[in-house]
């Protein structure tokens, strides 16, 4: 790890409030190996086992960290099984350590990955390794050793990113009809819904479908259709009215001004919905 950059490790888990001691033990392992590292908690309240939510949280936040940050991702329903643990570096010099369970291809494009290895060198593990807590005994120490400058090949053998396990997230565009069948990636504490419909400038990415203020959009799910308008901010519509907007992570969001959209529309993370942009 170059001395030009301060060492940062960022943690993402689904351990929840009653798993705070699990997070603390991971931090203890890290600090024993590198007492100077800065540890940032991205989130520990990820919905249990949710690859969809975890992927969204990382891909929408990691680029705001300094180069050489190490992201340790412990969303690991397959812990103790034959699934691989991987460590990788991107071309933009971010490191990721986590299970090969569909997270990585939903965060990174293959051509963004500079180097990737299967973590199998037990010299860098905390012994004895628990079959139910690889986050503490494998991922945390490996992440810490990366901040100490240990090269990725030291942790194990080369892994081809083309062989990543894939966890498909529904996104089907019918451009002629301007209809998108998509997935809810995230619901925040206000009930705002983040879809996986990407927006670039004023267009649905990779299409000619334009979004402009006042455009009518129809939401469909659970045999219910509700019309709202595309807006630049919440106050563009009356209180308790539905609106669509470009969220801070550049995905289409569905909200209710001063209301809870997820509750009112009876949807949650992972649900498939239809957006009609005609």
Foldseek 3Di string as FASTA:
>chain_A
DDPVDAEEEEEEACCPPVNVVLVVLLVVLLCVLPVRYHYHYQDHNPHQLDLLQQLVSCLLPVVVDDAQYEYEYHNPPPQLHPWFWKWFAFPSRYIYTGTLAANVVSRDDLNRTDFMFTQDDQVQFPPPDDSVRCSRTPRSSVSSVVSVVDDRVVRHGGDRPVPRHHDDFAWDADQVQQKIWWFFRDADPQQKTFTPQAADDQARPPHPQGADFQQWKWKDDPNDIDIEHEHDDLVVDDAQGWYWYQDPSRTIMIDGRSHRPCVVVVHGGGDIIMMGRD
